[in-house]
Protein backbone atom coordinates (compact mmCIF):
# COMPACT_ATOMS: atom_id res chain seq x y z
CA MET A 1 -22.94 -15.82 14.60
CA SER A 2 -25.00 -16.35 11.34
CA ASP A 3 -22.97 -16.69 8.21
CA THR A 4 -24.22 -15.31 4.86
CA LEU A 5 -23.01 -15.38 1.35
CA VAL A 6 -24.96 -12.87 -0.88
CA PRO A 7 -23.41 -12.19 -4.59
CA PRO A 8 -23.11 -8.74 -5.50
CA VAL A 9 -25.83 -8.64 -8.15
CA GLU A 10 -28.26 -9.89 -5.80
CA GLN A 11 -27.06 -7.18 -3.07
CA ARG A 12 -27.62 -4.82 -5.61
CA ALA A 13 -30.94 -5.87 -6.73
CA ALA A 14 -32.21 -6.13 -3.18
CA GLY A 15 -31.04 -2.57 -2.58
CA VAL A 16 -28.51 -3.60 -0.09
CA LYS A 17 -25.93 -0.83 0.75
CA SER A 18 -23.53 -0.17 3.42
CA GLY A 19 -23.83 3.47 2.89
CA LEU A 20 -20.08 4.73 2.85
CA GLY A 21 -20.04 8.26 1.76
CA LEU A 22 -17.70 10.45 0.26
CA ALA A 23 -15.80 11.57 3.77
CA ALA A 24 -15.62 7.77 4.63
CA LEU A 25 -14.32 6.89 1.30
CA THR A 26 -11.70 9.67 1.41
CA ALA A 27 -10.57 8.88 4.80
CA ILE A 28 -9.97 5.30 3.67
CA VAL A 29 -7.74 6.49 0.88
CA VAL A 30 -5.96 8.96 3.20
CA GLY A 31 -5.98 6.54 6.05
CA SER A 32 -4.33 3.75 4.21
CA MET A 33 -1.94 6.20 2.58
CA ILE A 34 -0.86 8.10 5.50
CA GLY A 35 0.51 5.31 7.70
CA SER A 36 4.10 5.06 8.83
CA GLY A 37 5.92 6.21 5.46
CA ILE A 38 5.56 9.93 6.03
CA PHE A 39 7.08 9.53 9.25
CA ALA A 40 10.03 7.65 8.18
CA LEU A 41 10.32 9.53 4.71
CA PRO A 42 13.19 12.12 5.52
CA SER A 43 15.84 9.20 6.52
CA GLN A 44 14.68 6.89 3.73
CA MET A 45 14.81 9.56 1.03
CA ALA A 46 18.18 11.13 2.38
CA ALA A 47 19.84 7.63 1.94
CA SER A 48 18.75 7.73 -1.47
CA ALA A 49 19.02 10.83 -3.03
CA ALA A 50 19.98 14.46 -2.85
CA PRO A 51 17.70 17.69 -3.57
CA GLY A 52 17.75 17.69 -7.03
CA PRO A 53 17.28 13.76 -8.09
CA LEU A 54 14.68 13.93 -5.33
CA LEU A 55 12.69 16.60 -7.06
CA ILE A 56 13.12 14.63 -10.31
CA GLY A 57 11.82 11.52 -8.81
CA TRP A 58 9.04 13.20 -7.20
CA VAL A 59 7.77 14.72 -10.48
CA ILE A 60 7.69 11.25 -12.07
CA THR A 61 6.00 9.91 -9.20
CA GLY A 62 3.51 12.88 -8.92
CA VAL A 63 2.72 12.24 -12.54
CA GLY A 64 2.53 8.36 -12.41
CA MET A 65 0.47 8.21 -9.17
CA LEU A 66 -1.83 10.88 -10.49
CA THR A 67 -2.28 8.99 -13.72
CA LEU A 68 -3.18 5.98 -11.79
CA ALA A 69 -5.70 8.03 -9.67
CA PHE A 70 -7.31 9.31 -12.85
CA VAL A 71 -7.26 5.25 -13.98
CA PHE A 72 -9.46 4.20 -10.92
CA GLN A 73 -11.64 7.58 -11.13
CA THR A 74 -12.21 6.69 -15.00
CA LEU A 75 -12.66 2.87 -14.52
CA ALA A 76 -15.22 3.72 -11.43
CA SER A 77 -17.50 5.71 -13.67
CA ARG A 78 -16.96 3.58 -16.87
CA LYS A 79 -17.21 0.11 -15.39
CA PRO A 80 -19.66 0.80 -12.39
CA ASP A 81 -20.63 -3.03 -12.62
CA VAL A 82 -17.14 -3.91 -11.84
CA ASP A 83 -16.48 -4.34 -8.07
CA GLY A 84 -13.13 -4.54 -6.04
CA GLY A 85 -10.99 -1.93 -7.67
CA VAL A 86 -7.31 -3.81 -8.46
CA TYR A 87 -9.01 -7.22 -8.54
CA GLY A 88 -12.06 -6.26 -10.58
CA TYR A 89 -10.18 -4.48 -13.24
CA ALA A 90 -7.78 -7.38 -13.78
CA ARG A 91 -10.34 -10.02 -13.79
CA ALA A 92 -12.44 -8.25 -16.21
CA GLY A 93 -9.77 -7.24 -18.48
CA PHE A 94 -7.54 -10.28 -18.37
CA GLY A 95 -9.40 -13.31 -17.17
CA ASN A 96 -10.08 -15.01 -13.87
CA TYR A 97 -6.49 -16.23 -13.00
CA ILE A 98 -4.92 -12.64 -13.65
CA GLY A 99 -7.93 -11.51 -11.37
CA PHE A 100 -6.78 -13.78 -8.83
CA THR A 101 -3.19 -12.96 -8.87
CA SER A 102 -4.11 -9.22 -8.38
CA ALA A 103 -6.33 -9.97 -5.51
CA PHE A 104 -3.62 -12.27 -3.93
CA GLY A 105 -0.81 -10.01 -4.47
CA TYR A 106 -2.73 -7.14 -3.38
CA TRP A 107 -3.90 -9.16 -0.03
CA MET A 108 -0.09 -10.23 0.60
CA SER A 109 1.03 -6.67 0.24
CA ALA A 110 -1.54 -5.40 2.70
CA TRP A 111 -1.04 -7.84 5.48
CA VAL A 112 3.03 -7.66 5.08
CA GLY A 113 2.31 -3.71 5.27
CA ASN A 114 0.38 -4.42 8.49
CA VAL A 115 3.36 -6.37 10.12
CA ALA A 116 5.62 -3.22 8.95
CA TYR A 117 3.25 -0.89 10.82
CA LEU A 118 3.34 -2.78 14.20
CA VAL A 119 7.20 -3.22 14.05
CA LEU A 120 7.46 0.59 13.55
CA LEU A 121 4.81 1.30 16.11
CA PHE A 122 6.31 -0.60 18.76
CA ALA A 123 9.71 1.03 17.65
CA THR A 124 8.21 4.29 18.14
CA LEU A 125 6.79 3.28 21.61
CA GLY A 126 10.51 2.45 22.42
CA TYR A 127 11.01 6.33 22.59
CA PHE A 128 9.06 6.15 25.93
CA PHE A 129 9.40 2.48 27.01
CA PRO A 130 12.82 1.27 26.20
CA ALA A 131 11.60 -2.36 26.48
CA PHE A 132 10.13 -1.79 22.98
CA GLU A 133 13.22 -0.06 21.51
CA GLY A 134 13.60 -1.42 17.81
CA GLY A 135 10.21 -3.21 17.39
CA ALA A 136 11.54 -6.63 17.11
CA THR A 137 12.05 -7.12 20.91
CA VAL A 138 10.21 -9.92 22.72
CA PRO A 139 7.97 -7.30 24.60
CA ALA A 140 7.29 -5.42 21.48
CA ILE A 141 5.94 -8.57 19.71
CA ILE A 142 3.84 -9.49 22.52
CA GLY A 143 2.54 -5.80 22.55
CA ALA A 144 1.90 -6.02 18.78
CA SER A 145 0.22 -9.26 18.96
CA ILE A 146 -2.22 -7.90 21.69
CA LEU A 147 -2.90 -4.75 19.63
CA LEU A 148 -3.64 -6.96 16.32
CA TRP A 149 -6.30 -9.01 18.04
CA ILE A 150 -7.83 -5.70 19.44
CA VAL A 151 -8.10 -4.34 16.03
CA HIS A 152 -9.43 -7.82 14.99
CA ALA A 153 -12.19 -7.93 17.48
CA LEU A 154 -13.18 -4.47 16.42
CA THR A 155 -13.59 -5.21 12.69
CA LEU A 156 -15.55 -8.41 13.64
CA ARG A 157 -17.92 -5.58 14.88
CA GLY A 158 -18.76 -4.95 11.29
CA VAL A 159 -16.97 -2.81 8.44
CA LYS A 160 -19.14 0.43 9.02
CA THR A 161 -18.02 0.53 12.73
CA ALA A 162 -14.26 0.23 11.80
CA ALA A 163 -14.78 2.71 8.87
CA PHE A 164 -16.28 5.44 11.34
CA VAL A 165 -13.05 4.80 13.80
CA ASN A 166 -10.75 5.23 10.79
CA VAL A 167 -12.39 8.79 9.97
CA VAL A 168 -11.76 9.87 13.53
CA VAL A 169 -8.32 8.48 13.68
CA THR A 170 -7.33 9.90 10.02
CA VAL A 171 -8.36 13.40 11.12
CA ALA A 172 -6.26 13.08 14.36
CA LYS A 173 -2.91 11.98 12.67
CA ILE A 174 -2.79 14.70 10.18
CA VAL A 175 -2.30 17.28 13.04
CA PRO A 176 1.33 16.82 14.02
CA ILE A 177 2.13 16.67 10.33
CA VAL A 178 0.72 19.93 9.73
CA VAL A 179 2.53 21.40 12.67
CA PHE A 180 5.84 19.70 11.65
CA ILE A 181 5.20 21.49 8.17
CA ALA A 182 4.50 24.87 9.91
CA ILE A 183 7.74 24.75 12.14
CA ALA A 184 9.84 23.57 9.08
CA ALA A 185 8.67 26.23 7.02
CA VAL A 186 9.87 28.75 9.28
CA GLY A 187 13.15 27.29 10.31
CA PHE A 188 13.98 26.39 6.63
CA LYS A 189 17.55 27.50 5.39
CA ALA A 190 17.85 27.59 1.76
CA GLY A 191 21.78 27.50 1.72
CA LEU A 192 21.68 23.97 3.50
CA PHE A 193 19.00 22.85 0.96
CA THR A 194 21.27 24.01 -2.06
CA ALA A 195 24.92 22.90 -0.27
CA ASP A 196 25.08 19.79 -2.42
CA PHE A 197 21.97 19.90 -4.87
CA TRP A 198 22.82 17.05 -7.14
CA GLY A 199 24.60 14.72 -4.46
CA LYS A 200 27.96 14.75 -5.97
CA ALA A 201 30.00 14.93 -2.67
CA VAL A 202 27.56 13.62 0.13
CA GLN A 203 28.46 10.09 1.10
CA ILE A 204 26.18 7.77 3.13
CA ASP A 205 27.67 5.12 5.10
CA GLY A 206 31.10 5.96 3.33
CA GLU A 207 29.33 5.47 -0.08
CA PRO A 208 28.57 7.85 -2.86
CA LEU A 209 24.95 8.43 -3.98
CA GLY A 210 25.87 7.61 -7.66
CA ASP A 211 24.69 9.61 -10.60
CA THR A 212 21.41 11.26 -10.88
CA MET A 213 19.41 8.29 -12.68
CA THR A 214 20.65 6.07 -9.96
CA GLN A 215 19.56 8.29 -7.18
CA VAL A 216 15.95 8.66 -8.75
CA LYS A 217 15.77 4.79 -9.24
CA ASN A 218 16.93 4.33 -5.63
CA MET A 219 14.10 6.56 -4.28
CA MET A 220 11.15 5.09 -6.26
CA LEU A 221 10.08 2.07 -4.27
CA VAL A 222 9.92 4.49 -1.30
CA THR A 223 7.44 6.79 -3.17
CA VAL A 224 5.41 3.92 -4.06
CA TRP A 225 5.01 2.94 -0.30
CA VAL A 226 3.97 6.28 0.77
CA PHE A 227 1.23 6.31 -1.90
CA ILE A 228 -0.01 2.80 -1.31
CA GLY A 229 -3.52 3.10 -0.55
CA ILE A 230 -4.46 5.36 -3.51
CA GLU A 231 -7.05 2.26 -4.77
CA GLY A 232 -8.67 2.10 -1.46
CA ALA A 233 -11.98 3.60 -2.35
CA ALA A 234 -12.02 1.35 -5.68
CA VAL A 235 -11.43 -1.70 -3.57
CA TYR A 236 -14.45 -0.36 -1.44
CA SER A 237 -16.52 0.29 -4.70
CA GLN A 238 -19.43 -2.41 -3.74
CA ARG A 239 -20.03 -0.44 -0.51
CA ALA A 240 -20.24 3.14 -1.63
CA ALA A 241 -23.39 4.64 -1.01
CA LYS A 242 -22.75 6.65 -4.58
CA ARG A 243 -20.39 5.02 -7.03
CA LYS A 244 -19.32 8.62 -8.36
CA ASP A 245 -18.01 9.11 -4.73
CA VAL A 246 -15.32 6.45 -5.50
CA GLY A 247 -13.54 8.45 -8.01
CA ARG A 248 -13.89 11.59 -6.26
CA ALA A 249 -12.35 10.20 -3.11
CA THR A 250 -9.34 8.78 -4.91
CA VAL A 251 -8.44 12.11 -6.37
CA LEU A 252 -9.15 14.12 -3.16
CA GLY A 253 -7.18 11.81 -1.12
CA PHE A 254 -4.02 11.79 -3.49
CA ALA A 255 -4.03 15.36 -3.88
CA GLY A 256 -4.14 16.07 -0.23
CA VAL A 257 -1.42 13.27 0.79
CA LEU A 258 0.68 14.49 -2.31
CA ALA A 259 0.82 17.86 -0.93
CA LEU A 260 1.97 16.74 2.84
CA LEU A 261 4.59 14.47 1.31
CA LEU A 262 6.41 17.14 -0.61
CA LEU A 263 6.21 19.65 2.07
CA VAL A 264 7.53 17.21 4.66
CA ASN A 265 10.45 15.55 2.39
CA LEU A 266 11.62 18.76 0.91
CA LEU A 267 11.58 20.78 3.80
CA SER A 268 13.59 18.42 5.92
CA TYR A 269 16.45 19.15 3.60
CA GLY A 270 16.66 22.77 4.72
CA LEU A 271 16.71 21.87 8.63
CA MET A 272 19.72 19.18 8.82
CA ALA A 273 22.55 18.05 6.45
CA GLN A 274 21.54 15.14 4.44
CA ALA A 275 24.05 12.88 5.74
CA ASP A 276 22.60 13.58 9.28
CA ILE A 277 18.98 13.06 8.25
CA ALA A 278 20.04 9.63 6.46
CA GLY A 279 21.36 8.62 9.70
CA LEU A 280 18.40 8.97 11.96
CA ALA A 281 16.60 6.24 13.46
CA ASP A 282 12.84 5.79 12.67
CA PRO A 283 10.58 7.67 12.90
CA SER A 284 13.02 9.90 11.46
CA LEU A 285 10.73 12.75 11.08
CA ALA A 286 10.75 12.74 14.90
CA GLY A 287 14.47 13.10 14.92
CA VAL A 288 14.44 16.04 12.35
CA LEU A 289 11.75 18.04 14.69
CA GLU A 290 13.77 17.28 17.77
CA ASN A 291 16.99 18.92 16.11
CA GLU A 292 14.85 21.82 15.45
CA VAL A 293 12.79 22.44 18.54
CA GLY A 294 14.31 20.25 21.22
CA SER A 295 13.25 16.71 22.76
CA TRP A 296 9.30 17.64 22.99
CA GLY A 297 9.44 17.37 19.20
CA ALA A 298 10.25 13.99 19.08
CA ALA A 299 7.67 13.21 21.66
CA PHE A 300 5.05 15.06 19.95
CA ILE A 301 5.80 13.17 16.26
CA SER A 302 6.14 9.94 18.32
CA ILE A 303 2.43 10.44 19.57
CA GLY A 304 1.30 11.27 16.04
CA LEU A 305 2.98 8.43 14.81
CA VAL A 306 1.17 5.96 17.29
CA ILE A 307 -2.09 7.55 16.31
CA SER A 308 -1.29 7.30 12.47
CA LEU A 309 -0.15 3.69 12.69
CA LEU A 310 -3.51 2.88 14.45
CA GLY A 311 -5.60 4.17 11.65
CA ALA A 312 -3.41 2.76 8.98
CA LEU A 313 -3.71 -0.80 10.68
CA ILE A 314 -7.61 -0.36 10.80
CA ALA A 315 -7.76 0.75 7.25
CA TRP A 316 -5.67 -2.09 5.93
CA VAL A 317 -7.38 -4.63 7.68
CA LEU A 318 -10.53 -3.28 6.17
CA LEU A 319 -8.86 -3.55 2.72
CA CYS A 320 -7.30 -6.88 3.60
CA VAL A 321 -10.77 -8.70 4.24
CA GLU A 322 -12.39 -6.79 1.19
CA ILE A 323 -10.06 -7.85 -1.25
CA LEU A 324 -10.55 -11.55 -0.47
CA ARG A 325 -14.35 -11.24 0.01
CA LEU A 326 -15.16 -10.37 -3.41
CA PRO A 327 -13.17 -12.79 -5.33
CA ALA A 328 -14.63 -15.39 -3.17
CA LEU A 329 -18.05 -14.29 -4.21
CA GLU A 330 -17.03 -14.70 -7.96
CA ASN A 331 -15.47 -18.21 -7.60
CA VAL A 332 -12.03 -16.86 -7.93
CA MET A 333 -11.26 -17.57 -4.20
CA PRO A 334 -12.73 -20.43 -1.89
CA LYS A 335 -16.16 -19.39 -1.04
CA ALA A 336 -15.56 -19.60 2.67
CA LEU A 337 -13.72 -16.23 2.31
CA ALA A 338 -16.91 -14.57 1.50
CA LYS A 339 -18.69 -15.64 4.56
CA GLU A 340 -19.84 -12.81 6.80
CA ASN A 341 -20.94 -12.90 10.36
CA SER A 342 -24.00 -11.23 11.80
CA HIS A 343 -22.44 -7.80 11.94
CA GLY A 344 -21.45 -7.88 8.07
CA ALA A 345 -17.83 -8.53 8.76
CA PRO A 346 -16.12 -11.23 6.38
CA ALA A 347 -14.89 -13.29 9.66
CA THR A 348 -13.28 -16.12 7.77
CA ALA A 349 -11.01 -13.77 5.81
CA LEU A 350 -10.30 -11.59 8.75
CA TRP A 351 -9.20 -14.70 10.73
CA LEU A 352 -7.07 -15.89 7.96
CA THR A 353 -5.45 -12.32 7.35
CA ASN A 354 -4.55 -11.77 10.92
CA LEU A 355 -3.20 -15.33 11.54
CA CYS A 356 -0.70 -14.67 8.60
CA VAL A 357 0.28 -11.26 10.28
CA GLN A 358 0.63 -13.00 13.70
CA ALA A 359 3.00 -15.72 11.86
CA LEU A 360 5.10 -13.11 10.17
CA LEU A 361 5.47 -11.08 13.59
CA LEU A 362 6.94 -14.20 15.25
CA TRP A 363 9.27 -14.53 12.02
CA THR A 364 10.53 -10.97 12.34
CA LEU A 365 11.40 -11.86 16.00
CA ALA A 366 13.47 -14.77 15.12
CA ASN A 367 15.17 -13.26 12.04
CA GLU A 368 15.47 -9.50 12.99
CA SER A 369 13.55 -8.25 10.01
CA THR A 370 13.72 -4.67 9.70
CA TYR A 371 10.90 -2.04 8.94
CA THR A 372 12.49 -1.31 5.64
CA ASN A 373 12.86 -4.92 4.43
CA LEU A 374 8.83 -5.43 5.14
CA VAL A 375 8.20 -2.04 3.50
CA TYR A 376 10.15 -3.01 0.23
CA LEU A 377 8.33 -6.58 0.27
CA ALA A 378 5.00 -5.23 0.71
CA THR A 379 5.55 -2.68 -2.09
CA SER A 380 6.83 -5.01 -4.70
CA LEU A 381 3.65 -7.17 -4.08
CA ILE A 382 1.48 -4.54 -5.01
CA LEU A 383 3.12 -3.35 -8.23
CA LEU A 384 1.26 -6.12 -10.36
CA PRO A 385 -1.99 -5.11 -9.41
CA TYR A 386 -1.53 -1.34 -10.27
CA LEU A 387 -0.16 -2.59 -13.72
CA TRP A 388 -3.30 -4.70 -14.46
CA SER A 389 -5.49 -1.80 -13.62
CA ALA A 390 -3.79 0.77 -15.91
CA ALA A 391 -3.51 -2.02 -18.72
CA TYR A 392 -7.39 -2.30 -18.64
CA GLN A 393 -7.81 1.22 -19.09
CA VAL A 394 -5.70 1.08 -22.02
CA LEU A 395 -7.43 -2.08 -23.37
CA LEU A 396 -10.77 -0.25 -23.04
CA ALA A 397 -9.76 2.75 -24.74
CA LEU A 398 -8.02 0.72 -27.86
CA ARG A 399 -11.23 -1.26 -28.18
CA GLY A 400 -13.60 1.76 -27.89
CA GLU A 401 -15.65 -0.22 -24.92
CA THR A 402 -17.96 2.36 -23.26
CA TYR A 403 -16.57 5.11 -25.57
CA GLU A 404 -19.72 4.97 -28.11
CA SER A 405 -19.65 8.78 -28.34
CA ARG A 406 -15.77 8.59 -28.53
CA ASN A 407 -15.68 11.54 -25.91
CA GLY A 408 -12.67 11.25 -24.06
CA ARG A 409 -11.23 8.15 -25.61
CA THR A 410 -7.98 9.71 -26.70
CA LYS A 411 -7.34 11.46 -23.14
CA ASP A 412 -8.02 8.20 -21.37
CA LEU A 413 -5.66 6.31 -23.68
CA ILE A 414 -2.87 8.64 -23.10
CA ILE A 415 -3.56 8.52 -19.40
CA GLY A 416 -3.56 4.86 -19.45
CA VAL A 417 -0.35 4.49 -21.29
CA ILE A 418 1.74 6.98 -18.89
CA ALA A 419 0.21 4.77 -16.00
CA LEU A 420 1.30 1.55 -17.88
CA VAL A 421 4.74 2.94 -18.51
CA TYR A 422 5.03 4.20 -14.69
CA ALA A 423 3.90 0.57 -13.42
CA VAL A 424 6.64 -1.03 -15.57
CA TRP A 425 9.16 1.57 -14.70
CA LEU A 426 8.25 0.67 -10.74
CA LEU A 427 8.85 -3.19 -11.60
CA TYR A 428 12.31 -2.43 -13.04
CA ALA A 429 13.11 0.28 -10.14
CA GLY A 430 11.78 -2.52 -7.52
CA GLY A 431 14.77 -4.93 -8.30
CA TRP A 432 14.73 -8.51 -9.42
CA GLN A 433 15.10 -9.95 -5.93
CA TYR A 434 11.46 -8.73 -4.90
CA LEU A 435 9.98 -9.81 -8.23
CA LEU A 436 11.64 -13.42 -7.52
CA ILE A 437 10.10 -13.54 -4.16
CA ALA A 438 6.75 -12.06 -5.38
CA ALA A 439 6.66 -15.03 -8.23
CA LEU A 440 7.09 -17.38 -5.20
CA PHE A 441 4.28 -16.07 -3.51
CA TYR A 442 1.88 -16.33 -6.53
CA LEU A 443 3.00 -19.78 -7.22
CA VAL A 444 1.88 -20.95 -3.75
CA GLY A 445 -1.33 -18.83 -3.57
CA THR A 446 -2.44 -20.38 -6.85
CA ALA A 447 -3.46 -23.53 -4.68
CA ALA A 448 -6.33 -21.33 -3.35
CA TYR A 449 -7.31 -20.35 -6.96
CA VAL A 450 -7.38 -24.17 -8.07
CA TRP A 451 -9.32 -24.95 -4.75
CA ALA A 452 -11.90 -22.30 -5.73
CA ARG A 453 -12.41 -23.41 -9.18
CA LYS A 454 -12.93 -27.13 -8.41
CA GLU A 455 -15.22 -26.14 -5.64
CA SER A 456 -17.60 -24.30 -7.85
CA LYS A 457 -17.12 -27.15 -10.60
CA LEU A 458 -15.73 -24.63 -12.93
CA PRO A 459 -12.67 -24.93 -15.87
CA THR A 460 -9.36 -24.19 -13.84
CA PHE A 461 -6.92 -22.47 -16.49
CA THR A 462 -7.13 -21.45 -19.93
CA LYS A 463 -4.09 -22.37 -22.31
CA ALA A 464 -2.75 -18.89 -21.76
CA GLU A 465 -3.16 -19.10 -17.96
CA LEU A 466 -1.28 -22.46 -18.07
CA ALA A 467 1.61 -20.73 -19.63
CA ILE A 468 1.33 -18.19 -17.04
CA VAL A 469 1.54 -20.75 -14.31
CA GLY A 470 4.29 -22.40 -15.81
CA PHE A 471 6.28 -19.23 -15.71
CA LEU A 472 5.70 -18.61 -12.37
CA ALA A 473 6.79 -22.22 -11.70
CA VAL A 474 10.21 -21.84 -13.48
CA THR A 475 10.74 -18.53 -11.46
CA SER A 476 10.12 -19.97 -8.37
CA VAL A 477 12.44 -22.93 -8.69
CA VAL A 478 15.03 -20.18 -9.42
CA ALA A 479 13.79 -18.17 -6.30
CA VAL A 480 14.05 -21.07 -3.84
CA ALA A 481 17.40 -22.19 -5.34
CA MET A 482 18.70 -18.84 -4.66
CA LEU A 483 17.19 -18.74 -0.98
CA ALA A 484 18.64 -22.04 -0.37
CA THR A 485 22.40 -20.91 -1.28
CA GLY A 486 22.01 -17.69 0.36
CA ASN A 487 22.30 -15.58 -2.88
CA LEU A 488 18.49 -14.20 -2.57
CA VAL A 489 17.67 -12.44 1.04
CA VAL A 490 14.63 -10.64 1.29
CA LEU A 491 13.54 -10.94 5.06
């Protein structure tokens, strides 16, 4: 294998293009968004909210995520020279260290999410092979490890090869979801859907759901998890054949996935009582369909989920290595993470990512971490990268940068502010315990940033960045103390 390190500017000057078109970019968005979330959505939502609060929450999520989609679309067109999506926008707007934290947080979220995918995949296979039941047994972890390194080998063959496989798998995994929606629409019972519309009577595990706002807040992290991946095309902006396709793929992917999520979630409430849905094992979509049509329904959905998880795993491995490669080219991550093999795959970044996945898989075996815990951790780690992207659009609009004719400036400012408020709301809804853990991860990761800056003989921190590192250090001390005393448990 030969290793190359080609800066983005030189790549563009030489006309180097990987040729990812609109279909491939949209498939990366859809493939990374439709992973496990939609298949586990019924029980996770039923445990949090009744239909009324659920609709309010989906409106908030729909508006918030739509504005984020517009943010990525706008930034892709107004800042075509900025590569790397959430990383590039954070760095361009707020400096090298904030750019690093955005890339590092996104990378952490992505590979922790891959562990969640693998756990759920083998829990699903437990429907057919009891030895895998639960997803965290010894046979399941061995199987997940073997699959992980098969995907690793595929990705080492190059980004184009993996992207093509992702397109095929993305199409295949949508089929069972559409079939479920068709069957659910026929069997939908309006009386069941409206029986306890605001969740005043229903109890989950003997506990009431709480008031409307509590229910809305409790469902928010789940909605973020099912939309993670909306930024996928932006992360791959440097490899796009046409820059304008980045924005198009983001909006197309979001619109399609939103429609599927709403239909799956709302129709489920018309097929079973809410408390019964909440008690279903993951993948709960299989349980809902089994209740409606019999055992073949569960088998059908389980097969669809296996295909979906394989596709999502490939998509997120691609995103993991790309979010490390670009910062390494710009002296924000160690240079070794940008080295590509003879197939154009960032091999060092790939090995680092999948070794981390392997280590956390073994941790789940030893500590019986659940799919839901992994989902919440992965989601909390991606909230700040989303926030920085929204803040960058607000910053551009306030400065008037790229708005010489003033066309669209007010509109983009309003969209950016809405997206920023939504991102702040998500941080609140996510809960303080995950923010503490995120701060600890960011502080540990800072060693890689210091390494990269020293390696390139560049200044390490500005005064403002030192203040941020100090805040992370204090927060991390609190996190470690609470972990040691058992007052903070995440995994």
